[in-house]
Amino acid sequence: MMWGYGWDMGWWWLSGLLLLVGVVLLVVLLVRVSSGAGSRGGGPGASGPTPGPSRARQILDERYATGELTAEQYREQIRVLGENS
């Protein structure tokens, strides 16, 4: 027996390294998918995520929903923001 100093030990080291690389790649892939980074594409025919309302519009919507703004004030602020959707 060679007790870990022969040719067979090299295969164990290599397989351990490949396993480590595979685990790291899997973690990176999972993080990218969970954060939505994988859907940003950019290639031909790839459509990115559609942008939602701006943060200012979200705050405006919340204030209107809670009654802080009248309908007229709400429409005026949307016009000022330039978001007529």
C-alpha atoms as a PDB file:
ATOM      1  CA  MET A   1       0.000   0.000   0.000  1.00  0.00           C
ATOM      2  CA  MET A   2       1.122   3.543  -0.699  1.00  0.00           C
ATOM      3  CA  TRP A   3      -0.904   5.258   2.071  1.00  0.00           C
ATOM      4  CA  GLY A   4      -2.015   8.221   0.012  1.00  0.00           C
ATOM      5  CA  TYR A   5       1.206   9.062  -1.811  1.00  0.00           C
ATOM      6  CA  GLY A   6       0.602   7.183  -5.016  1.00  0.00           C
ATOM      7  CA  TRP A   7      -1.247   7.797  -8.263  1.00  0.00           C
ATOM      8  CA  ASP A   8      -4.646   7.053  -6.702  1.00  0.00           C
ATOM      9  CA  MET A   9      -4.368  10.008  -4.332  1.00  0.00           C
ATOM     10  CA  GLY A  10      -4.229  12.377  -7.323  1.00  0.00           C
ATOM     11  CA  TRP A  11      -7.635  11.210  -8.501  1.00  0.00           C
ATOM     12  CA  TRP A  12      -9.163  11.867  -5.073  1.00  0.00           C
ATOM     13  CA  TRP A  13      -7.701  15.367  -5.034  1.00  0.00           C
ATOM     14  CA  LEU A  14      -8.966  16.069  -8.549  1.00  0.00           C
ATOM     15  CA  SER A  15     -12.463  14.754  -7.832  1.00  0.00           C
ATOM     16  CA  GLY A  16     -12.621  16.851  -4.645  1.00  0.00           C
ATOM     17  CA  LEU A  17     -11.597  19.943  -6.581  1.00  0.00           C
ATOM     18  CA  LEU A  18     -14.223  19.287  -9.257  1.00  0.00           C
ATOM     19  CA  LEU A  19     -16.870  18.791  -6.575  1.00  0.00           C
ATOM     20  CA  LEU A  20     -15.912  22.096  -4.950  1.00  0.00           C
ATOM     21  CA  VAL A  21     -16.070  23.937  -8.279  1.00  0.00           C
ATOM     22  CA  GLY A  22     -19.488  22.396  -8.969  1.00  0.00           C
ATOM     23  CA  VAL A  23     -20.855  23.491  -5.601  1.00  0.00           C
ATOM     24  CA  VAL A  24     -19.556  27.049  -6.091  1.00  0.00           C
ATOM     25  CA  LEU A  25     -21.119  27.241  -9.560  1.00  0.00           C
ATOM     26  CA  LEU A  26     -24.417  25.929  -8.212  1.00  0.00           C
ATOM     27  CA  VAL A  27     -24.477  28.563  -5.465  1.00  0.00           C
ATOM     28  CA  VAL A  28     -23.686  31.343  -7.960  1.00  0.00           C
ATOM     29  CA  LEU A  29     -26.450  30.127 -10.273  1.00  0.00           C
ATOM     30  CA  LEU A  30     -28.982  29.973  -7.450  1.00  0.00           C
ATOM     31  CA  VAL A  31     -28.101  33.475  -6.276  1.00  0.00           C
ATOM     32  CA  ARG A  32     -28.422  34.892  -9.793  1.00  0.00           C
ATOM     33  CA  VAL A  33     -31.776  33.198 -10.396  1.00  0.00           C
ATOM     34  CA  SER A  34     -33.209  34.219  -7.029  1.00  0.00           C
ATOM     35  CA  SER A  35     -32.132  37.842  -7.460  1.00  0.00           C
ATOM     36  CA  GLY A  36     -33.542  38.034 -10.994  1.00  0.00           C
ATOM     37  CA  ALA A  37     -30.175  38.760 -12.577  1.00  0.00           C
ATOM     38  CA  GLY A  38     -30.536  35.844 -14.957  1.00  0.00           C
ATOM     39  CA  SER A  39     -33.541  37.399 -16.685  1.00  0.00           C
ATOM     40  CA  ARG A  40     -31.718  40.517 -17.844  1.00  0.00           C
ATOM     41  CA  GLY A  41     -30.568  38.801 -21.019  1.00  0.00           C
ATOM     42  CA  GLY A  42     -29.588  41.421 -23.530  1.00  0.00           C
ATOM     43  CA  GLY A  43     -29.104  39.146 -26.491  1.00  0.00           C
ATOM     44  CA  PRO A  44     -31.056  39.361 -29.736  1.00  0.00           C
ATOM     45  CA  GLY A  45     -34.752  38.844 -29.137  1.00  0.00           C
ATOM     46  CA  ALA A  46     -34.314  38.934 -25.368  1.00  0.00           C
ATOM     47  CA  SER A  47     -36.771  41.137 -23.609  1.00  0.00           C
ATOM     48  CA  GLY A  48     -35.873  42.387 -20.171  1.00  0.00           C
ATOM     49  CA  PRO A  49     -38.329  42.796 -17.357  1.00  0.00           C
ATOM     50  CA  THR A  50     -40.871  45.519 -17.918  1.00  0.00           C
ATOM     51  CA  PRO A  51     -40.210  48.459 -15.643  1.00  0.00           C
ATOM     52  CA  GLY A  52     -42.845  49.117 -13.023  1.00  0.00           C
ATOM     53  CA  PRO A  53     -43.967  52.462 -11.741  1.00  0.00           C
ATOM     54  CA  SER A  54     -41.312  54.724 -10.310  1.00  0.00           C
ATOM     55  CA  ARG A  55     -40.890  55.040  -6.551  1.00  0.00           C
ATOM     56  CA  ALA A  56     -42.389  58.558  -6.733  1.00  0.00           C
ATOM     57  CA  ARG A  57     -45.480  57.143  -8.451  1.00  0.00           C
ATOM     58  CA  GLN A  58     -45.775  54.397  -5.839  1.00  0.00           C
ATOM     59  CA  ILE A  59     -45.698  56.964  -3.033  1.00  0.00           C
ATOM     60  CA  LEU A  60     -48.257  59.073  -4.885  1.00  0.00           C
ATOM     61  CA  ASP A  61     -50.526  56.042  -5.300  1.00  0.00           C
ATOM     62  CA  GLU A  62     -50.213  55.228  -1.595  1.00  0.00           C
ATOM     63  CA  ARG A  63     -51.066  58.803  -0.575  1.00  0.00           C
ATOM     64  CA  TYR A  64     -54.105  58.797  -2.874  1.00  0.00           C
ATOM     65  CA  ALA A  65     -55.230  55.429  -1.526  1.00  0.00           C
ATOM     66  CA  THR A  66     -55.043  56.636   2.073  1.00  0.00           C
ATOM     67  CA  GLY A  67     -57.007  59.802   1.254  1.00  0.00           C
ATOM     68  CA  GLU A  68     -54.176  62.290   1.680  1.00  0.00           C
ATOM     69  CA  LEU A  69     -54.744  63.567  -1.879  1.00  0.00           C
ATOM     70  CA  THR A  70     -57.913  64.448  -3.743  1.00  0.00           C
ATOM     71  CA  ALA A  71     -58.516  63.061  -7.213  1.00  0.00           C
ATOM     72  CA  GLU A  72     -57.637  66.431  -8.719  1.00  0.00           C
ATOM     73  CA  GLN A  73     -54.362  66.669  -6.775  1.00  0.00           C
ATOM     74  CA  TYR A  74     -53.533  63.078  -7.740  1.00  0.00           C
ATOM     75  CA  ARG A  75     -54.084  63.722 -11.460  1.00  0.00           C
ATOM     76  CA  GLU A  76     -52.034  66.931 -11.295  1.00  0.00           C
ATOM     77  CA  GLN A  77     -49.113  65.155  -9.618  1.00  0.00           C
ATOM     78  CA  ILE A  78     -49.201  62.346 -12.198  1.00  0.00           C
ATOM     79  CA  ARG A  79     -49.098  64.993 -14.933  1.00  0.00           C
ATOM     80  CA  VAL A  80     -46.096  66.636 -13.231  1.00  0.00           C
ATOM     81  CA  LEU A  81     -44.345  63.274 -12.975  1.00  0.00           C
ATOM     82  CA  GLY A  82     -45.015  62.613 -16.661  1.00  0.00           C
ATOM     83  CA  GLU A  83     -46.469  59.171 -15.984  1.00  0.00           C
ATOM     84  CA  ASN A  84     -49.847  59.163 -17.703  1.00  0.00           C
ATOM     85  CA  SER A  85     -50.421  55.420 -17.610  1.00  0.00           C
END
